[in-house]
């Protein structure tokens, strides 16, 4: 079955290429098909990856290492789930109606690596300050890193210009792209994405009506 599927995949690419394209006799052409197949497999895996509530909660706990109230954690988890869905990624067991239950279940699963502290007013949750526990939370967080990869590259590049330029004066698009391209080239084999850096930059840039 798999052999027939691969043959069909190869034939589709051969039909799209020029007549001299022949992966059966040309090693370079064969490598091109293998590379294309590898990327398509990764794209399919990414498209079908489901982000569970444990990944969302772990990401937020790593952001709020000094602790976050349970109500705020539910609110931020609901926001992050919407952001993930807005990027056409799938979430499992998280919806606006069930966020509180999802967060409760996630914190119960992560119970051995988080601290719970109840004061007079609210319950505060924070990660345990142990490298092993932080590493485990990072493992859960890594499931959603690819969704925000390009935006993270642009954000890091923007911050590299310093607070005065980044937040007060602004940075020219060309300079921002050059800095982001450097980071992207370093990480492009770690995170495989269909969207290009240029497209992400255009998408995140303000429109003339916003300026």
Protein backbone atom coordinates (compact mmCIF):
# COMPACT_ATOMS: atom_id res chain seq x y z
CA UNK A 1 0.00 0.00 0.00
CA UNK A 2 2.70 2.47 1.00
CA UNK A 3 4.74 1.61 -2.08
CA UNK A 4 1.79 2.46 -4.34
CA UNK A 5 1.17 5.72 -2.48
CA UNK A 6 4.80 6.78 -2.83
CA UNK A 7 4.75 5.87 -6.52
CA UNK A 8 1.59 7.92 -7.02
CA UNK A 9 3.16 10.83 -5.13
CA UNK A 10 6.28 10.63 -7.34
CA UNK A 11 4.21 10.48 -10.53
CA UNK A 12 2.28 13.61 -9.51
CA UNK A 13 5.52 15.54 -9.03
CA UNK A 14 6.97 14.22 -12.29
CA UNK A 15 3.88 15.43 -14.16
CA UNK A 16 4.26 18.92 -12.70
CA UNK A 17 7.94 19.11 -13.65
CA UNK A 18 9.51 19.45 -17.06
CA UNK A 19 9.83 16.42 -19.33
CA UNK A 20 13.53 15.92 -18.55
CA UNK A 21 12.77 15.46 -14.83
CA UNK A 22 13.49 11.79 -14.12
CA UNK A 23 14.09 10.66 -10.51
CA UNK A 24 14.63 7.07 -11.65
CA UNK A 25 17.90 7.89 -13.44
CA UNK A 26 18.90 11.26 -11.95
CA UNK A 27 20.08 11.20 -8.32
CA UNK A 28 19.49 14.94 -7.81
CA UNK A 29 15.92 14.63 -9.05
CA UNK A 30 15.41 11.68 -6.72
CA UNK A 31 16.69 13.71 -3.77
CA UNK A 32 14.29 16.50 -4.69
CA UNK A 33 11.31 14.14 -4.51
CA UNK A 34 12.53 12.67 -1.20
CA UNK A 35 12.95 16.16 0.24
CA UNK A 36 9.50 17.18 -0.96
CA UNK A 37 7.96 14.02 0.52
CA UNK A 38 9.70 14.62 3.84
CA UNK A 39 8.38 18.18 4.08
CA UNK A 40 4.86 17.08 3.16
CA UNK A 41 4.93 14.43 5.91
CA UNK A 42 6.00 17.04 8.46
CA UNK A 43 3.28 19.42 7.26
CA UNK A 44 0.66 16.70 7.67
CA UNK A 45 1.93 15.83 11.15
CA UNK A 46 1.81 19.49 12.20
CA UNK A 47 -1.67 19.99 10.72
CA UNK A 48 -3.03 17.01 12.66
CA UNK A 49 -1.27 17.71 15.95
CA UNK A 50 -3.76 18.40 18.73
CA UNK A 51 -2.71 20.87 21.43
CA UNK A 52 -4.00 19.60 24.75
CA UNK A 53 -4.78 21.64 27.84
CA UNK A 54 -1.61 20.40 29.57
CA UNK A 55 0.52 22.13 26.92
CA UNK A 56 -1.46 25.35 27.28
CA UNK A 57 -1.28 25.36 31.09
CA UNK A 58 2.43 24.42 31.10
CA UNK A 59 3.20 27.32 28.72
CA UNK A 60 1.41 29.78 30.98
CA UNK A 61 3.03 28.50 34.16
CA UNK A 62 6.45 28.96 32.57
CA UNK A 63 5.47 32.57 31.84
CA UNK A 64 4.20 33.21 35.37
CA UNK A 65 6.91 31.50 37.36
CA UNK A 66 6.19 33.54 40.48
CA UNK A 67 2.65 32.23 40.47
CA UNK A 68 -0.72 32.99 38.91
CA UNK A 69 -4.19 32.87 40.40
CA UNK A 70 -6.50 30.10 39.29
CA UNK A 71 -9.01 32.56 37.81
CA UNK A 72 -6.28 34.33 35.85
CA UNK A 73 -4.89 30.99 34.68
CA UNK A 74 -8.33 30.03 33.33
CA UNK A 75 -8.67 33.41 31.61
CA UNK A 76 -5.22 33.25 30.02
CA UNK A 77 -5.74 29.61 28.98
CA UNK A 78 -8.95 30.58 27.21
CA UNK A 79 -7.12 33.41 25.44
CA UNK A 80 -4.20 31.19 24.39
CA UNK A 81 -6.57 28.51 23.09
CA UNK A 82 -8.29 31.12 20.92
CA UNK A 83 -4.93 32.31 19.59
CA UNK A 84 -3.96 28.74 18.72
CA UNK A 85 -7.27 28.14 16.95
CA UNK A 86 -6.94 31.44 15.08
CA UNK A 87 -3.77 30.01 13.51
CA UNK A 88 -5.71 26.98 12.24
CA UNK A 89 -4.21 24.65 14.84
CA UNK A 90 -6.31 22.11 16.74
CA UNK A 91 -6.96 22.12 20.46
CA UNK A 92 -8.28 19.17 22.44
CA UNK A 93 -10.76 19.47 25.28
CA UNK A 94 -10.55 23.26 25.44
CA UNK A 95 -13.48 25.53 24.67
CA UNK A 96 -14.94 28.73 26.04
CA UNK A 97 -17.53 26.69 27.95
CA UNK A 98 -15.12 24.13 29.43
CA UNK A 99 -11.90 26.07 30.00
CA UNK A 100 -12.21 25.94 33.78
CA UNK A 101 -12.67 22.16 33.71
CA UNK A 102 -9.78 21.74 31.24
CA UNK A 103 -7.43 23.81 33.40
CA UNK A 104 -8.48 21.85 36.49
CA UNK A 105 -7.74 18.56 34.74
CA UNK A 106 -4.41 19.85 33.44
CA UNK A 107 -3.24 21.04 36.86
CA UNK A 108 -4.27 17.69 38.34
CA UNK A 109 -2.10 15.91 35.74
CA UNK A 110 0.77 18.30 36.46
CA UNK A 111 0.24 18.08 40.22
CA UNK A 112 3.68 16.64 41.04
CA UNK A 113 5.57 19.46 39.31
CA UNK A 114 3.57 22.50 40.43
CA UNK A 115 2.92 24.28 43.72
CA UNK A 116 -0.50 25.27 44.98
CA UNK A 117 -0.74 28.03 47.57
CA UNK A 118 -4.08 29.17 48.93
CA UNK A 119 -4.34 32.56 50.60
CA UNK A 120 -7.38 34.31 52.04
CA UNK A 121 -8.70 35.36 48.64
CA UNK A 122 -7.56 32.95 45.95
CA UNK A 123 -5.58 29.87 44.97
CA UNK A 124 -2.18 30.59 43.43
CA UNK A 125 -0.42 28.09 41.18
CA UNK A 126 3.27 28.14 40.26
CA UNK A 127 5.87 25.71 38.90
CA UNK A 128 8.25 24.06 41.34
CA UNK A 129 11.67 25.66 41.11
CA UNK A 130 13.55 22.52 40.26
CA UNK A 131 15.36 22.00 36.95
CA UNK A 132 13.72 18.62 36.44
CA UNK A 133 10.23 20.09 36.89
CA UNK A 134 10.93 23.10 34.68
CA UNK A 135 12.28 20.74 32.03
CA UNK A 136 9.12 18.64 32.18
CA UNK A 137 6.91 21.72 31.85
CA UNK A 138 9.02 22.76 28.87
CA UNK A 139 8.40 19.35 27.32
CA UNK A 140 4.65 19.99 27.42
CA UNK A 141 5.13 23.58 26.22
CA UNK A 142 7.17 22.46 23.20
CA UNK A 143 4.05 20.94 21.61
CA UNK A 144 2.81 24.38 20.62
CA UNK A 145 6.08 26.20 19.91
CA UNK A 146 5.90 25.62 16.15
CA UNK A 147 2.58 27.50 15.97
CA UNK A 148 4.19 30.76 17.07
CA UNK A 149 7.64 30.19 15.58
CA UNK A 150 7.70 32.93 12.95
CA UNK A 151 6.07 35.48 15.23
CA UNK A 152 8.61 34.63 17.94
CA UNK A 153 11.47 35.18 15.50
CA UNK A 154 10.08 38.61 14.60
CA UNK A 155 9.53 39.50 18.27
CA UNK A 156 13.11 38.51 19.21
CA UNK A 157 14.48 40.48 16.27
CA UNK A 158 12.45 43.53 17.30
CA UNK A 159 13.63 43.36 20.92
CA UNK A 160 17.26 43.17 19.73
CA UNK A 161 17.05 46.84 18.66
CA UNK A 162 16.59 47.95 22.26
CA UNK A 163 13.65 49.50 24.07
CA UNK A 164 14.08 53.00 22.65
CA UNK A 165 13.90 51.89 19.03
CA UNK A 166 11.58 48.90 19.45
CA UNK A 167 8.90 50.53 21.59
CA UNK A 168 9.26 54.29 21.16
CA UNK A 169 10.68 55.17 17.75
CA UNK A 170 9.96 52.07 15.71
CA UNK A 171 12.16 49.99 13.39
CA UNK A 172 12.17 50.07 9.56
CA UNK A 173 10.68 46.93 8.05
CA UNK A 174 13.83 46.21 6.01
CA UNK A 175 16.08 46.29 9.09
CA UNK A 176 13.65 44.15 11.07
CA UNK A 177 13.52 41.59 8.27
CA UNK A 178 17.34 41.40 8.04
CA UNK A 179 17.64 40.67 11.77
CA UNK A 180 14.75 38.20 11.69
CA UNK A 181 16.21 36.44 8.64
CA UNK A 182 19.42 35.77 10.58
CA UNK A 183 17.49 34.07 13.39
CA UNK A 184 15.25 32.26 10.93
CA UNK A 185 18.25 30.80 9.08
CA UNK A 186 19.61 29.49 12.39
CA UNK A 187 16.35 27.75 13.30
CA UNK A 188 14.68 26.90 10.00
CA UNK A 189 15.62 23.22 10.25
CA UNK A 190 14.28 22.98 13.82
CA UNK A 191 10.84 24.37 12.96
CA UNK A 192 9.25 23.46 9.64
CA UNK A 193 6.41 25.75 8.59
CA UNK A 194 4.47 26.36 5.40
CA UNK A 195 4.30 30.10 5.97
CA UNK A 196 7.32 32.15 4.93
CA UNK A 197 8.99 34.79 7.07
CA UNK A 198 8.06 37.45 4.51
CA UNK A 199 4.38 36.51 4.68
CA UNK A 200 4.41 36.57 8.48
CA UNK A 201 6.10 39.98 8.45
CA UNK A 202 3.47 41.39 6.10
CA UNK A 203 0.69 39.84 8.19
CA UNK A 204 1.96 41.32 11.44
CA UNK A 205 2.80 44.76 9.96
CA UNK A 206 0.25 47.53 10.60
CA UNK A 207 -1.94 48.53 7.69
CA UNK A 208 -2.02 52.18 6.51
CA UNK A 209 -5.30 52.63 8.40
CA UNK A 210 -3.58 51.60 11.65
CA UNK A 211 -0.74 54.11 11.30
